[in-house]
Amino acid sequence: MSQLLEGKTAVVLGVANRWSIAYAIGEAFRREGAKLILTYQGERQRLTVEDVGAALGAHKLLNCDVTLEDDLARLTAELKSEGRIDCMVHSIAFANREDLSRPFVETSRGGFLLAQEVSAYSMVAVARAVEPLMAEGGSMITLSYLGANRVVPNYNVMGVAKASLEASVRYLASDLGPKNIRVNAISAGAIKTASSRAVKDLSRMLDAVAEHAPLRRNCDPREVADAAVFLASDLGRGVTGNVLYVDAGFQIMGF
């Protein structure tokens, strides 16, 4: 079978470490022949991402803080040398730990705005930065979670941010569709990553999913990555504005 992403260049934002979903996506993209470009946020992350990039055989590493317009403009300029970008993966989210651990009604104004800016608006900002480089069309993918449309204990402000992210996917798909740019989200099941550990009682949540999901197990990052390959490849050429669930079927259950 031919490599599904051969000849394509993919930008992956949010590869924090080897246990992140973004890392699994990078592995799958590389396996399928894509040229990888990774981003990192500031010097604090640079060494970690350099190590990750070496393991993934990344073509290039670029510094980009998605909350800074100057960094986003520089990202566009630096990517122009590639000639064409075929895929962008947005795997960026953040909320204050205290806003995840206390009742949602007690969310601070600053914490609410921070979660929205980093977890939702950044998708819009990155899409705007990458869109000029997708002159021949392309695929934009972001990562969501069931807490976007159901109340998940201790997910709180992040659930609201993910709801905003999923709505943004639909509006971006409408805006960019005439340019043959597809925009989709993958709603991954609960996975034990460095960032998810900020969610209180994560282990109990994972146990509940394994007990009640139709497949009677949790999903694996590699399954999410393979779904991303589908959306990035020509196999997904007719899919846009959608949320693809990769969660062992848990989203269909009533409890």
C-alpha atoms as a PDB file:
ATOM      1  CA  MET A   1       0.000   0.000   0.000  1.00  0.00           C
ATOM      2  CA  SER A   2       1.375   3.424  -0.951  1.00  0.00           C
ATOM      3  CA  GLN A   3       2.143   5.950   1.764  1.00  0.00           C
ATOM      4  CA  LEU A   4      -0.982   8.027   2.260  1.00  0.00           C
ATOM      5  CA  LEU A   5       0.811  11.325   2.940  1.00  0.00           C
ATOM      6  CA  GLU A   6       3.744  10.977   0.570  1.00  0.00           C
ATOM      7  CA  GLY A   7       4.771  14.343  -0.858  1.00  0.00           C
ATOM      8  CA  LYS A   8       2.759  16.288   1.732  1.00  0.00           C
ATOM      9  CA  THR A   9       4.094  18.764   4.288  1.00  0.00           C
ATOM     10  CA  ALA A  10       2.409  18.898   7.691  1.00  0.00           C
ATOM     11  CA  VAL A  11       2.732  21.446  10.486  1.00  0.00           C
ATOM     12  CA  VAL A  12       2.004  20.002  13.934  1.00  0.00           C
ATOM     13  CA  LEU A  13       1.515  22.409  16.837  1.00  0.00           C
ATOM     14  CA  GLY A  14       1.487  21.153  20.405  1.00  0.00           C
ATOM     15  CA  VAL A  15       3.920  18.221  20.526  1.00  0.00           C
ATOM     16  CA  ALA A  16       4.754  18.519  24.203  1.00  0.00           C
ATOM     17  CA  ASN A  17       6.446  15.152  24.779  1.00  0.00           C
ATOM     18  CA  ARG A  18       6.505  11.536  23.600  1.00  0.00           C
ATOM     19  CA  TRP A  19       3.269  10.722  25.450  1.00  0.00           C
ATOM     20  CA  SER A  20       1.147  13.428  23.830  1.00  0.00           C
ATOM     21  CA  ILE A  21      -1.498  12.768  21.200  1.00  0.00           C
ATOM     22  CA  ALA A  22       0.319  15.203  18.919  1.00  0.00           C
ATOM     23  CA  TYR A  23       3.431  13.023  19.125  1.00  0.00           C
ATOM     24  CA  ALA A  24       1.413   9.970  18.078  1.00  0.00           C
ATOM     25  CA  ILE A  25       0.036  11.981  15.149  1.00  0.00           C
ATOM     26  CA  GLY A  26       3.554  13.022  14.185  1.00  0.00           C
ATOM     27  CA  GLU A  27       4.638   9.365  14.226  1.00  0.00           C
ATOM     28  CA  ALA A  28       1.723   8.326  12.018  1.00  0.00           C
ATOM     29  CA  PHE A  29       2.279  11.199   9.595  1.00  0.00           C
ATOM     30  CA  ARG A  30       5.950  10.332   9.304  1.00  0.00           C
ATOM     31  CA  ARG A  31       5.083   6.659   8.774  1.00  0.00           C
ATOM     32  CA  GLU A  32       2.833   7.685   5.890  1.00  0.00           C
ATOM     33  CA  GLY A  33       5.549   9.763   4.225  1.00  0.00           C
ATOM     34  CA  ALA A  34       4.769  13.330   5.341  1.00  0.00           C
ATOM     35  CA  LYS A  35       7.453  15.952   5.855  1.00  0.00           C
ATOM     36  CA  LEU A  36       7.017  17.198   9.432  1.00  0.00           C
ATOM     37  CA  ILE A  37       7.367  20.705  10.804  1.00  0.00           C
ATOM     38  CA  LEU A  38       6.920  21.080  14.561  1.00  0.00           C
ATOM     39  CA  THR A  39       6.426  24.204  16.643  1.00  0.00           C
ATOM     40  CA  TYR A  40       7.414  24.979  20.204  1.00  0.00           C
ATOM     41  CA  GLN A  41       6.652  27.846  22.583  1.00  0.00           C
ATOM     42  CA  GLY A  42       9.738  29.677  23.750  1.00  0.00           C
ATOM     43  CA  GLU A  43      13.116  28.524  24.987  1.00  0.00           C
ATOM     44  CA  ARG A  44      11.606  26.570  27.862  1.00  0.00           C
ATOM     45  CA  GLN A  45      10.094  24.087  25.416  1.00  0.00           C
ATOM     46  CA  ARG A  46      12.783  24.195  22.769  1.00  0.00           C
ATOM     47  CA  LEU A  47      15.067  21.480  24.155  1.00  0.00           C
ATOM     48  CA  THR A  48      12.172  19.086  24.751  1.00  0.00           C
ATOM     49  CA  VAL A  49      10.775  19.593  21.262  1.00  0.00           C
ATOM     50  CA  GLU A  50      14.248  19.259  19.747  1.00  0.00           C
ATOM     51  CA  ASP A  51      14.475  15.817  21.323  1.00  0.00           C
ATOM     52  CA  VAL A  52      10.980  14.921  20.138  1.00  0.00           C
ATOM     53  CA  GLY A  53      11.693  16.316  16.686  1.00  0.00           C
ATOM     54  CA  ALA A  54      14.812  14.179  16.362  1.00  0.00           C
ATOM     55  CA  ALA A  55      12.818  11.063  17.256  1.00  0.00           C
ATOM     56  CA  LEU A  56      10.193  11.945  14.655  1.00  0.00           C
ATOM     57  CA  GLY A  57      12.682  12.896  11.973  1.00  0.00           C
ATOM     58  CA  ALA A  58      11.177  16.389  11.796  1.00  0.00           C
ATOM     59  CA  HIS A  59      12.261  18.541   8.879  1.00  0.00           C
ATOM     60  CA  LYS A  60      12.129  21.795  10.836  1.00  0.00           C
ATOM     61  CA  LEU A  61      11.325  23.237  14.279  1.00  0.00           C
ATOM     62  CA  LEU A  62       9.778  26.692  14.577  1.00  0.00           C
ATOM     63  CA  ASN A  63       9.182  28.880  17.613  1.00  0.00           C
ATOM     64  CA  CYS A  64       5.574  30.084  17.875  1.00  0.00           C
ATOM     65  CA  ASP A  65       3.507  31.358  20.787  1.00  0.00           C
ATOM     66  CA  VAL A  66      -0.039  31.220  19.415  1.00  0.00           C
ATOM     67  CA  THR A  67      -1.156  34.047  21.700  1.00  0.00           C
ATOM     68  CA  LEU A  68       1.223  36.506  19.992  1.00  0.00           C
ATOM     69  CA  GLU A  69       0.318  37.985  16.609  1.00  0.00           C
ATOM     70  CA  ASP A  70       3.979  38.692  15.816  1.00  0.00           C
ATOM     71  CA  ASP A  71       4.821  35.004  16.312  1.00  0.00           C
ATOM     72  CA  LEU A  72       1.954  33.960  14.052  1.00  0.00           C
ATOM     73  CA  ALA A  73       3.076  36.380  11.345  1.00  0.00           C
ATOM     74  CA  ARG A  74       6.612  35.032  11.641  1.00  0.00           C
ATOM     75  CA  LEU A  75       5.247  31.470  11.368  1.00  0.00           C
ATOM     76  CA  THR A  76       3.615  32.354   8.045  1.00  0.00           C
ATOM     77  CA  ALA A  77       6.815  33.954   6.789  1.00  0.00           C
ATOM     78  CA  GLU A  78       9.026  31.046   7.841  1.00  0.00           C
ATOM     79  CA  LEU A  79       6.694  28.470   6.294  1.00  0.00           C
ATOM     80  CA  LYS A  80       6.727  30.253   2.926  1.00  0.00           C
ATOM     81  CA  SER A  81      10.100  28.703   2.207  1.00  0.00           C
ATOM     82  CA  GLU A  82       8.399  25.299   2.108  1.00  0.00           C
ATOM     83  CA  GLY A  83       6.411  26.407  -0.913  1.00  0.00           C
ATOM     84  CA  ARG A  84       3.243  24.625   0.161  1.00  0.00           C
ATOM     85  CA  ILE A  85       1.639  23.373   3.366  1.00  0.00           C
ATOM     86  CA  ASP A  86      -0.804  20.505   2.994  1.00  0.00           C
ATOM     87  CA  CYS A  87      -1.876  19.869   6.580  1.00  0.00           C
ATOM     88  CA  MET A  88      -1.975  21.655   9.904  1.00  0.00           C
ATOM     89  CA  VAL A  89      -2.633  19.901  13.222  1.00  0.00           C
ATOM     90  CA  HIS A  90      -3.678  22.086  16.162  1.00  0.00           C
ATOM     91  CA  SER A  91      -3.133  20.245  19.443  1.00  0.00           C
ATOM     92  CA  ILE A  92      -3.038  23.151  21.868  1.00  0.00           C
ATOM     93  CA  ALA A  93      -5.144  23.656  24.995  1.00  0.00           C
ATOM     94  CA  PHE A  94      -4.694  25.157  28.433  1.00  0.00           C
ATOM     95  CA  ALA A  95      -6.729  26.080  31.511  1.00  0.00           C
ATOM     96  CA  ASN A  96      -5.683  27.027  35.012  1.00  0.00           C
ATOM     97  CA  ARG A  97      -5.618  23.973  37.271  1.00  0.00           C
ATOM     98  CA  GLU A  98      -7.777  25.727  39.855  1.00  0.00           C
ATOM     99  CA  ASP A  99     -10.470  26.351  37.250  1.00  0.00           C
ATOM    100  CA  LEU A 100     -10.581  22.633  36.529  1.00  0.00           C
ATOM    101  CA  SER A 101     -10.803  21.562  40.158  1.00  0.00           C
ATOM    102  CA  ARG A 102     -13.532  23.893  41.441  1.00  0.00           C
ATOM    103  CA  PRO A 103     -17.188  24.159  40.350  1.00  0.00           C
ATOM    104  CA  PHE A 104     -17.652  25.788  36.944  1.00  0.00           C
ATOM    105  CA  VAL A 105     -19.773  28.560  38.441  1.00  0.00           C
ATOM    106  CA  GLU A 106     -16.661  29.684  40.336  1.00  0.00           C
ATOM    107  CA  THR A 107     -14.539  30.050  37.203  1.00  0.00           C
ATOM    108  CA  SER A 108     -12.608  33.300  37.285  1.00  0.00           C
ATOM    109  CA  ARG A 109     -13.032  35.827  34.480  1.00  0.00           C
ATOM    110  CA  GLY A 110      -9.332  35.658  33.740  1.00  0.00           C
ATOM    111  CA  GLY A 111      -9.331  31.863  33.759  1.00  0.00           C
ATOM    112  CA  PHE A 112     -12.312  31.717  31.388  1.00  0.00           C
ATOM    113  CA  LEU A 113     -10.705  34.110  28.918  1.00  0.00           C
ATOM    114  CA  LEU A 114      -7.355  32.322  29.108  1.00  0.00           C
ATOM    115  CA  ALA A 115      -8.910  28.926  28.328  1.00  0.00           C
ATOM    116  CA  GLN A 116     -10.810  30.425  25.397  1.00  0.00           C
ATOM    117  CA  GLU A 117      -7.771  32.201  23.962  1.00  0.00           C
ATOM    118  CA  VAL A 118      -5.343  29.290  24.167  1.00  0.00           C
ATOM    119  CA  SER A 119      -7.725  26.392  23.531  1.00  0.00           C
ATOM    120  CA  ALA A 120     -10.193  27.850  21.005  1.00  0.00           C
ATOM    121  CA  TYR A 121      -9.173  31.183  19.505  1.00  0.00           C
ATOM    122  CA  SER A 122      -5.693  29.879  18.761  1.00  0.00           C
ATOM    123  CA  MET A 123      -7.233  27.527  16.190  1.00  0.00           C
ATOM    124  CA  VAL A 124      -8.697  30.524  14.379  1.00  0.00           C
ATOM    125  CA  ALA A 125      -5.411  32.419  14.599  1.00  0.00           C
ATOM    126  CA  VAL A 126      -3.321  29.505  13.322  1.00  0.00           C
ATOM    127  CA  ALA A 127      -5.802  28.794  10.523  1.00  0.00           C
ATOM    128  CA  ARG A 128      -5.444  32.412   9.395  1.00  0.00           C
ATOM    129  CA  ALA A 129      -1.655  32.110   9.499  1.00  0.00           C
ATOM    130  CA  VAL A 130      -1.489  28.851   7.532  1.00  0.00           C
ATOM    131  CA  GLU A 131      -4.327  29.435   5.029  1.00  0.00           C
ATOM    132  CA  PRO A 132      -2.203  31.521   2.582  1.00  0.00           C
ATOM    133  CA  LEU A 133       0.201  28.566   2.290  1.00  0.00           C
ATOM    134  CA  MET A 134      -2.544  26.137   1.265  1.00  0.00           C
ATOM    135  CA  ALA A 135      -2.982  27.557  -2.220  1.00  0.00           C
ATOM    136  CA  GLU A 136      -3.670  24.060  -3.573  1.00  0.00           C
ATOM    137  CA  GLY A 137      -6.044  23.151  -0.746  1.00  0.00           C
ATOM    138  CA  GLY A 138      -5.300  21.293   2.435  1.00  0.00           C
ATOM    139  CA  SER A 139      -6.513  19.876   5.718  1.00  0.00           C
ATOM    140  CA  MET A 140      -6.699  21.507   9.145  1.00  0.00           C
ATOM    141  CA  ILE A 141      -7.279  19.293  12.172  1.00  0.00           C
ATOM    142  CA  THR A 142      -7.801  20.091  15.832  1.00  0.00           C
ATOM    143  CA  LEU A 143      -8.393  17.950  18.910  1.00  0.00           C
ATOM    144  CA  SER A 144     -11.515  18.084  21.034  1.00  0.00           C
ATOM    145  CA  TYR A 145     -13.207  16.003  23.736  1.00  0.00           C
ATOM    146  CA  LEU A 146     -16.679  14.834  24.757  1.00  0.00           C
ATOM    147  CA  GLY A 147     -16.783  17.568  27.424  1.00  0.00           C
ATOM    148  CA  ALA A 148     -17.564  20.001  24.605  1.00  0.00           C
ATOM    149  CA  ASN A 149     -21.184  18.839  24.505  1.00  0.00           C
ATOM    150  CA  ARG A 150     -21.711  16.888  27.723  1.00  0.00           C
ATOM    151  CA  VAL A 151     -20.967  17.802  31.303  1.00  0.00           C
ATOM    152  CA  VAL A 152     -17.863  15.877  32.354  1.00  0.00           C
ATOM    153  CA  PRO A 153     -16.969  16.183  36.049  1.00  0.00           C
ATOM    154  CA  ASN A 154     -13.885  18.294  36.664  1.00  0.00           C
ATOM    155  CA  TYR A 155     -13.543  19.303  32.990  1.00  0.00           C
ATOM    156  CA  ASN A 156     -15.400  22.552  33.623  1.00  0.00           C
ATOM    157  CA  VAL A 157     -13.981  25.598  31.806  1.00  0.00           C
ATOM    158  CA  MET A 158     -12.111  23.392  29.347  1.00  0.00           C
ATOM    159  CA  GLY A 159     -15.397  21.843  28.231  1.00  0.00           C
ATOM    160  CA  VAL A 160     -16.744  25.282  27.402  1.00  0.00           C
ATOM    161  CA  ALA A 161     -13.535  26.107  25.527  1.00  0.00           C
ATOM    162  CA  LYS A 162     -13.813  22.874  23.533  1.00  0.00           C
ATOM    163  CA  ALA A 163     -17.427  23.731  22.651  1.00  0.00           C
ATOM    164  CA  SER A 164     -16.147  27.031  21.280  1.00  0.00           C
ATOM    165  CA  LEU A 165     -13.414  25.165  19.418  1.00  0.00           C
ATOM    166  CA  GLU A 166     -15.904  22.812  17.740  1.00  0.00           C
ATOM    167  CA  ALA A 167     -18.105  25.741  16.685  1.00  0.00           C
ATOM    168  CA  SER A 168     -15.012  27.446  15.288  1.00  0.00           C
ATOM    169  CA  VAL A 169     -14.274  24.338  13.221  1.00  0.00           C
ATOM    170  CA  ARG A 170     -17.674  24.624  11.536  1.00  0.00           C
ATOM    171  CA  TYR A 171     -17.303  28.319  10.745  1.00  0.00           C
ATOM    172  CA  LEU A 172     -13.739  27.849   9.499  1.00  0.00           C
ATOM    173  CA  ALA A 173     -14.884  24.966   7.299  1.00  0.00           C
ATOM    174  CA  SER A 174     -17.509  27.241   5.753  1.00  0.00           C
ATOM    175  CA  ASP A 175     -15.044  30.087   5.195  1.00  0.00           C
ATOM    176  CA  LEU A 176     -12.211  27.990   3.792  1.00  0.00           C
ATOM    177  CA  GLY A 177     -14.151  25.363   1.858  1.00  0.00           C
ATOM    178  CA  PRO A 178     -14.205  27.396  -1.387  1.00  0.00           C
ATOM    179  CA  LYS A 179     -10.392  27.232  -1.295  1.00  0.00           C
ATOM    180  CA  ASN A 180     -10.531  23.440  -0.964  1.00  0.00           C
ATOM    181  CA  ILE A 181      -9.303  23.632   2.621  1.00  0.00           C
ATOM    182  CA  ARG A 182     -10.999  21.149   4.910  1.00  0.00           C
ATOM    183  CA  VAL A 183     -11.332  21.773   8.654  1.00  0.00           C
ATOM    184  CA  ASN A 184     -12.225  19.013  11.105  1.00  0.00           C
ATOM    185  CA  ALA A 185     -11.893  18.042  14.753  1.00  0.00           C
ATOM    186  CA  ILE A 186     -11.121  14.687  16.318  1.00  0.00           C
ATOM    187  CA  SER A 187     -12.877  14.119  19.630  1.00  0.00           C
ATOM    188  CA  ALA A 188     -10.487  11.733  21.324  1.00  0.00           C
ATOM    189  CA  GLY A 189     -11.456   9.632  24.293  1.00  0.00           C
ATOM    190  CA  ALA A 190      -9.867  10.233  27.668  1.00  0.00           C
ATOM    191  CA  ILE A 191      -6.157   9.405  27.388  1.00  0.00           C
ATOM    192  CA  LYS A 192      -3.551   9.658  30.119  1.00  0.00           C
ATOM    193  CA  THR A 193      -1.243  12.433  28.958  1.00  0.00           C
ATOM    194  CA  ALA A 194       0.753  15.076  30.808  1.00  0.00           C
ATOM    195  CA  SER A 195      -1.972  17.681  30.221  1.00  0.00           C
ATOM    196  CA  SER A 196      -4.919  15.412  31.082  1.00  0.00           C
ATOM    197  CA  ARG A 197      -3.440  14.708  34.493  1.00  0.00           C
ATOM    198  CA  ALA A 198      -4.626  18.180  35.475  1.00  0.00           C
ATOM    199  CA  VAL A 199      -8.182  16.786  35.417  1.00  0.00           C
ATOM    200  CA  LYS A 200      -9.137  15.574  38.883  1.00  0.00           C
ATOM    201  CA  ASP A 201     -10.033  11.865  39.207  1.00  0.00           C
ATOM    202  CA  LEU A 202      -8.728  11.053  35.724  1.00  0.00           C
ATOM    203  CA  SER A 203      -8.011   7.433  36.665  1.00  0.00           C
ATOM    204  CA  ARG A 204     -11.599   6.928  37.814  1.00  0.00           C
ATOM    205  CA  MET A 205     -12.834   8.443  34.548  1.00  0.00           C
ATOM    206  CA  LEU A 206     -10.659   6.048  32.549  1.00  0.00           C
ATOM    207  CA  ASP A 207     -12.002   3.088  34.520  1.00  0.00           C
ATOM    208  CA  ALA A 208     -15.594   4.170  33.885  1.00  0.00           C
ATOM    209  CA  VAL A 209     -14.988   4.504  30.148  1.00  0.00           C
ATOM    210  CA  ALA A 210     -13.407   1.053  29.967  1.00  0.00           C
ATOM    211  CA  GLU A 211     -16.409  -0.394  31.780  1.00  0.00           C
ATOM    212  CA  HIS A 212     -19.160   1.270  29.717  1.00  0.00           C
ATOM    213  CA  ALA A 213     -17.743   1.984  26.245  1.00  0.00           C
ATOM    214  CA  PRO A 214     -19.036  -0.402  23.547  1.00  0.00           C
ATOM    215  CA  LEU A 215     -15.493  -1.679  22.930  1.00  0.00           C
ATOM    216  CA  ARG A 216     -15.002  -2.095  26.693  1.00  0.00           C
ATOM    217  CA  ARG A 217     -11.685  -0.278  26.676  1.00  0.00           C
ATOM    218  CA  ASN A 218     -10.129   3.140  26.425  1.00  0.00           C
ATOM    219  CA  CYS A 219      -8.833   4.452  23.122  1.00  0.00           C
ATOM    220  CA  ASP A 220      -5.173   4.523  22.206  1.00  0.00           C
ATOM    221  CA  PRO A 221      -3.270   7.615  20.957  1.00  0.00           C
ATOM    222  CA  ARG A 222      -2.311   5.639  17.851  1.00  0.00           C
ATOM    223  CA  GLU A 223      -5.987   5.240  16.970  1.00  0.00           C
ATOM    224  CA  VAL A 224      -6.421   9.008  17.145  1.00  0.00           C
ATOM    225  CA  ALA A 225      -3.316   9.396  15.001  1.00  0.00           C
ATOM    226  CA  ASP A 226      -4.634   7.038  12.329  1.00  0.00           C
ATOM    227  CA  ALA A 227      -7.866   9.043  12.201  1.00  0.00           C
ATOM    228  CA  ALA A 228      -5.768  12.158  11.671  1.00  0.00           C
ATOM    229  CA  VAL A 229      -3.984  10.429   8.785  1.00  0.00           C
ATOM    230  CA  PHE A 230      -7.378   9.748   7.193  1.00  0.00           C
ATOM    231  CA  LEU A 231      -8.449  13.392   7.535  1.00  0.00           C
ATOM    232  CA  ALA A 232      -5.102  14.683   6.242  1.00  0.00           C
ATOM    233  CA  SER A 233      -4.980  12.320   3.273  1.00  0.00           C
ATOM    234  CA  ASP A 234      -6.935  12.226   0.035  1.00  0.00           C
ATOM    235  CA  LEU A 235      -9.115   9.512   1.601  1.00  0.00           C
ATOM    236  CA  GLY A 236     -10.773  12.279   3.643  1.00  0.00           C
ATOM    237  CA  ARG A 237     -11.169  14.678   0.720  1.00  0.00           C
ATOM    238  CA  GLY A 238     -14.959  14.876   1.101  1.00  0.00           C
ATOM    239  CA  VAL A 239     -14.990  15.421   4.869  1.00  0.00           C
ATOM    240  CA  THR A 240     -15.097  18.908   6.400  1.00  0.00           C
ATOM    241  CA  GLY A 241     -16.756  20.707   9.290  1.00  0.00           C
ATOM    242  CA  ASN A 242     -17.062  17.461  11.234  1.00  0.00           C
ATOM    243  CA  VAL A 243     -16.168  16.137  14.663  1.00  0.00           C
ATOM    244  CA  LEU A 244     -14.858  12.585  14.335  1.00  0.00           C
ATOM    245  CA  TYR A 245     -15.144  10.592  17.564  1.00  0.00           C
ATOM    246  CA  VAL A 246     -12.293   8.218  18.355  1.00  0.00           C
ATOM    247  CA  ASP A 247     -13.257   7.072  21.843  1.00  0.00           C
ATOM    248  CA  ALA A 248     -14.103   3.353  21.685  1.00  0.00           C
ATOM    249  CA  GLY A 249     -17.722   4.405  21.137  1.00  0.00           C
ATOM    250  CA  PHE A 250     -18.219   5.966  24.568  1.00  0.00           C
ATOM    251  CA  GLN A 251     -20.031   9.034  23.162  1.00  0.00           C
ATOM    252  CA  ILE A 252     -23.103   6.950  22.185  1.00  0.00           C
ATOM    253  CA  MET A 253     -23.754   5.723  25.709  1.00  0.00           C
ATOM    254  CA  GLY A 254     -26.345   7.271  27.987  1.00  0.00           C
ATOM    255  CA  PHE A 255     -24.279   6.775  31.132  1.00  0.00           C
END
